[in-house]
């Protein structure tokens, strides 16, 4: 078998980066929110796996936008609940 697929190289997948603790603290302070108020992304999401993110990390997702030029979104990595 070949190397595993790197989903981040696909043109339809935006850039995902794990944020440092300092970057997260600045983000939360700028928006006056807590970590739990961030939107969530599951730990087993293919993009999270490729970036090496772990539960509790925050991911910065950067997309090209026709209207804004560049748009950033933030997601807290959480464990997928068991069924």
N, C-alpha and C. Protein backbone atom coordinates (compact mmCIF):
# COMPACT_ATOMS: atom_id res chain seq x y z
N UNK A 1 0.84 -1.20 0.00
CA UNK A 1 0.00 0.00 0.00
C UNK A 1 0.87 1.25 0.00
N UNK A 2 0.33 2.31 -0.57
CA UNK A 2 1.05 3.57 -0.62
C UNK A 2 0.91 4.34 0.68
N UNK A 3 1.46 5.55 0.66
CA UNK A 3 1.38 6.41 1.85
C UNK A 3 -0.07 6.82 2.09
N UNK A 4 -0.43 7.08 3.36
CA UNK A 4 -1.81 7.51 3.64
C UNK A 4 -2.11 8.85 2.97
N UNK A 5 -3.37 9.04 2.62
CA UNK A 5 -3.81 10.26 1.96
C UNK A 5 -3.70 11.45 2.91
N UNK A 6 -3.07 12.52 2.45
CA UNK A 6 -3.00 13.76 3.23
C UNK A 6 -4.14 14.65 2.77
N UNK A 7 -5.22 14.66 3.55
CA UNK A 7 -6.41 15.41 3.15
C UNK A 7 -6.16 16.91 3.01
N UNK A 8 -5.16 17.42 3.72
CA UNK A 8 -4.89 18.86 3.66
C UNK A 8 -4.34 19.30 2.31
N UNK A 9 -3.89 18.35 1.50
CA UNK A 9 -3.37 18.69 0.18
C UNK A 9 -4.48 18.80 -0.86
N UNK A 10 -5.69 18.41 -0.50
CA UNK A 10 -6.81 18.50 -1.44
C UNK A 10 -7.23 19.96 -1.57
N UNK A 11 -7.52 20.39 -2.79
CA UNK A 11 -7.84 21.81 -3.03
C UNK A 11 -9.11 22.28 -2.34
N UNK A 12 -10.00 21.36 -1.97
CA UNK A 12 -11.26 21.75 -1.32
C UNK A 12 -11.15 21.82 0.20
N UNK A 13 -10.03 21.38 0.76
CA UNK A 13 -9.87 21.37 2.22
C UNK A 13 -9.07 22.60 2.64
N UNK A 14 -9.66 23.43 3.51
CA UNK A 14 -8.93 24.63 3.95
C UNK A 14 -7.76 24.27 4.86
N UNK A 15 -6.87 25.23 5.06
CA UNK A 15 -5.70 25.03 5.91
C UNK A 15 -6.13 24.86 7.36
N UNK A 16 -5.60 23.84 8.03
CA UNK A 16 -5.86 23.57 9.45
C UNK A 16 -4.53 23.66 10.20
N UNK A 17 -4.50 24.44 11.28
CA UNK A 17 -3.29 24.55 12.10
C UNK A 17 -3.66 24.50 13.57
N UNK A 18 -2.89 23.75 14.35
CA UNK A 18 -3.08 23.70 15.80
C UNK A 18 -2.51 24.99 16.37
N UNK A 19 -3.29 25.66 17.22
CA UNK A 19 -2.87 26.92 17.81
C UNK A 19 -2.07 26.68 19.09
N UNK A 20 -1.13 27.57 19.38
CA UNK A 20 -0.37 27.49 20.62
C UNK A 20 -1.25 27.94 21.78
N UNK A 21 -0.84 27.62 23.00
CA UNK A 21 -1.60 28.04 24.18
C UNK A 21 -1.71 29.56 24.24
N UNK A 22 -0.65 30.26 23.87
CA UNK A 22 -0.67 31.73 23.88
C UNK A 22 -1.67 32.27 22.84
N UNK A 23 -1.67 31.68 21.65
CA UNK A 23 -2.62 32.11 20.62
C UNK A 23 -4.06 31.88 21.07
N UNK A 24 -4.31 30.76 21.73
CA UNK A 24 -5.66 30.45 22.21
C UNK A 24 -6.07 31.46 23.28
N UNK A 25 -5.16 31.76 24.20
CA UNK A 25 -5.46 32.73 25.26
C UNK A 25 -5.79 34.09 24.66
N UNK A 26 -5.02 34.52 23.65
CA UNK A 26 -5.28 35.80 22.98
C UNK A 26 -6.65 35.78 22.28
N UNK A 27 -6.97 34.67 21.62
CA UNK A 27 -8.25 34.53 20.92
C UNK A 27 -9.42 34.65 21.90
N UNK A 28 -9.34 33.91 23.01
CA UNK A 28 -10.42 33.92 23.99
C UNK A 28 -10.59 35.31 24.61
N UNK A 29 -9.47 35.97 24.88
CA UNK A 29 -9.53 37.32 25.45
C UNK A 29 -10.11 38.32 24.45
N UNK A 30 -9.74 38.20 23.18
CA UNK A 30 -10.21 39.15 22.16
C UNK A 30 -11.72 39.07 21.99
N UNK A 31 -12.28 37.87 22.10
CA UNK A 31 -13.72 37.69 21.90
C UNK A 31 -14.50 37.57 23.20
N UNK A 32 -13.80 37.65 24.33
CA UNK A 32 -14.43 37.55 25.66
C UNK A 32 -15.28 36.29 25.77
N UNK A 33 -14.66 35.15 25.42
CA UNK A 33 -15.36 33.87 25.48
C UNK A 33 -14.51 32.85 26.22
N UNK A 34 -15.12 31.73 26.56
CA UNK A 34 -14.38 30.62 27.17
C UNK A 34 -14.12 29.55 26.12
N UNK A 35 -13.22 28.66 26.42
CA UNK A 35 -12.87 27.58 25.51
C UNK A 35 -14.10 26.78 25.09
N UNK A 36 -14.99 26.51 26.04
CA UNK A 36 -16.17 25.69 25.78
C UNK A 36 -17.16 26.36 24.83
N UNK A 37 -17.03 27.68 24.64
CA UNK A 37 -17.94 28.39 23.74
C UNK A 37 -17.53 28.31 22.27
N UNK A 38 -16.33 27.79 22.02
CA UNK A 38 -15.89 27.63 20.63
C UNK A 38 -16.66 26.50 19.96
N UNK A 39 -16.88 26.60 18.65
CA UNK A 39 -17.45 25.46 17.93
C UNK A 39 -16.52 24.26 18.06
N UNK A 40 -17.05 23.07 17.90
CA UNK A 40 -16.28 21.85 18.13
C UNK A 40 -15.93 21.16 16.81
N UNK A 41 -14.87 20.33 16.89
CA UNK A 41 -14.49 19.44 15.80
C UNK A 41 -14.03 18.14 16.47
N UNK A 42 -14.41 17.00 15.89
CA UNK A 42 -14.08 15.72 16.53
C UNK A 42 -12.62 15.34 16.35
N UNK A 43 -12.09 14.65 17.35
CA UNK A 43 -10.69 14.24 17.36
C UNK A 43 -10.34 13.31 16.21
N UNK A 44 -11.34 12.61 15.66
CA UNK A 44 -11.06 11.67 14.58
C UNK A 44 -11.35 12.25 13.19
N UNK A 45 -11.58 13.57 13.12
CA UNK A 45 -11.74 14.24 11.83
C UNK A 45 -10.43 14.05 11.05
N UNK A 46 -10.50 13.70 9.76
CA UNK A 46 -9.28 13.46 9.00
C UNK A 46 -8.28 14.62 9.04
N UNK A 47 -8.74 15.85 8.97
CA UNK A 47 -7.83 17.00 9.00
C UNK A 47 -7.17 17.14 10.38
N UNK A 48 -7.89 16.83 11.43
CA UNK A 48 -7.32 16.89 12.79
C UNK A 48 -6.25 15.82 12.93
N UNK A 49 -6.52 14.63 12.42
CA UNK A 49 -5.55 13.54 12.51
C UNK A 49 -4.25 13.90 11.79
N UNK A 50 -4.36 14.50 10.61
CA UNK A 50 -3.17 14.85 9.82
C UNK A 50 -2.35 15.93 10.53
N UNK A 51 -3.02 16.88 11.19
CA UNK A 51 -2.29 17.96 11.86
C UNK A 51 -1.70 17.53 13.20
N UNK A 52 -2.12 16.36 13.69
CA UNK A 52 -1.60 15.89 14.98
C UNK A 52 -2.31 16.50 16.17
N UNK A 53 -3.51 17.04 15.94
CA UNK A 53 -4.26 17.65 17.03
C UNK A 53 -4.75 16.62 18.03
N UNK A 54 -4.95 17.07 19.26
CA UNK A 54 -5.42 16.20 20.33
C UNK A 54 -6.59 16.89 21.04
N UNK A 55 -7.36 16.10 21.76
CA UNK A 55 -8.49 16.63 22.50
C UNK A 55 -8.03 17.79 23.38
N UNK A 56 -8.75 18.91 23.31
CA UNK A 56 -8.40 20.09 24.10
C UNK A 56 -7.63 21.14 23.30
N UNK A 57 -7.04 20.73 22.16
CA UNK A 57 -6.36 21.70 21.30
C UNK A 57 -7.40 22.53 20.55
N UNK A 58 -6.97 23.69 20.06
CA UNK A 58 -7.82 24.52 19.22
C UNK A 58 -7.18 24.56 17.83
N UNK A 59 -8.02 24.40 16.81
CA UNK A 59 -7.58 24.41 15.42
C UNK A 59 -8.01 25.72 14.77
N UNK A 60 -7.07 26.36 14.06
CA UNK A 60 -7.39 27.53 13.25
C UNK A 60 -7.59 27.02 11.83
N UNK A 61 -8.75 27.32 11.26
CA UNK A 61 -9.07 26.90 9.89
C UNK A 61 -9.13 28.15 9.04
N UNK A 62 -8.26 28.22 8.05
CA UNK A 62 -8.17 29.41 7.20
C UNK A 62 -8.66 29.07 5.80
N UNK A 63 -9.67 29.80 5.37
CA UNK A 63 -10.27 29.58 4.04
C UNK A 63 -10.08 30.83 3.18
N UNK A 64 -9.93 30.61 1.88
CA UNK A 64 -9.98 31.72 0.95
C UNK A 64 -11.45 32.08 0.78
N UNK A 65 -11.72 33.38 0.75
CA UNK A 65 -13.09 33.85 0.63
C UNK A 65 -13.18 34.89 -0.48
N UNK A 66 -14.16 34.74 -1.35
CA UNK A 66 -14.32 35.72 -2.43
C UNK A 66 -14.69 37.09 -1.88
N UNK A 67 -15.42 37.13 -0.77
CA UNK A 67 -15.86 38.41 -0.22
C UNK A 67 -14.90 38.98 0.81
N UNK A 68 -14.33 38.13 1.65
CA UNK A 68 -13.46 38.61 2.73
C UNK A 68 -11.98 38.49 2.39
N UNK A 69 -11.65 37.81 1.30
CA UNK A 69 -10.24 37.58 0.99
C UNK A 69 -9.73 36.35 1.71
N UNK A 70 -9.82 36.41 3.02
CA UNK A 70 -9.39 35.29 3.84
C UNK A 70 -10.27 35.26 5.08
N UNK A 71 -10.74 34.08 5.45
CA UNK A 71 -11.60 33.95 6.63
C UNK A 71 -11.01 32.90 7.56
N UNK A 72 -10.99 33.21 8.85
CA UNK A 72 -10.49 32.27 9.85
C UNK A 72 -11.64 31.79 10.72
N UNK A 73 -11.61 30.51 11.04
CA UNK A 73 -12.57 29.92 11.97
C UNK A 73 -11.76 29.14 13.00
N UNK A 74 -12.34 28.92 14.14
CA UNK A 74 -11.64 28.24 15.23
C UNK A 74 -12.52 27.12 15.76
N UNK A 75 -11.91 25.97 16.05
CA UNK A 75 -12.65 24.81 16.55
C UNK A 75 -11.88 24.17 17.70
N UNK A 76 -12.61 23.81 18.74
CA UNK A 76 -12.05 23.07 19.86
C UNK A 76 -12.15 21.58 19.54
N UNK A 77 -11.04 20.87 19.68
CA UNK A 77 -11.04 19.43 19.40
C UNK A 77 -11.63 18.69 20.60
N UNK A 78 -12.68 17.89 20.32
CA UNK A 78 -13.34 17.11 21.37
C UNK A 78 -13.40 15.65 20.95
N UNK A 79 -13.57 14.79 21.94
CA UNK A 79 -13.70 13.36 21.66
C UNK A 79 -15.12 13.08 21.18
N UNK A 80 -15.24 12.25 20.17
CA UNK A 80 -16.55 11.88 19.65
C UNK A 80 -17.25 11.01 20.70
N UNK A 81 -18.51 11.34 21.03
CA UNK A 81 -19.23 10.53 22.03
C UNK A 81 -19.46 9.12 21.51
N UNK A 82 -19.40 8.16 22.42
CA UNK A 82 -19.66 6.77 22.03
C UNK A 82 -21.15 6.58 21.85
N UNK A 83 -21.50 5.73 20.89
CA UNK A 83 -22.91 5.47 20.61
C UNK A 83 -23.49 4.44 21.53
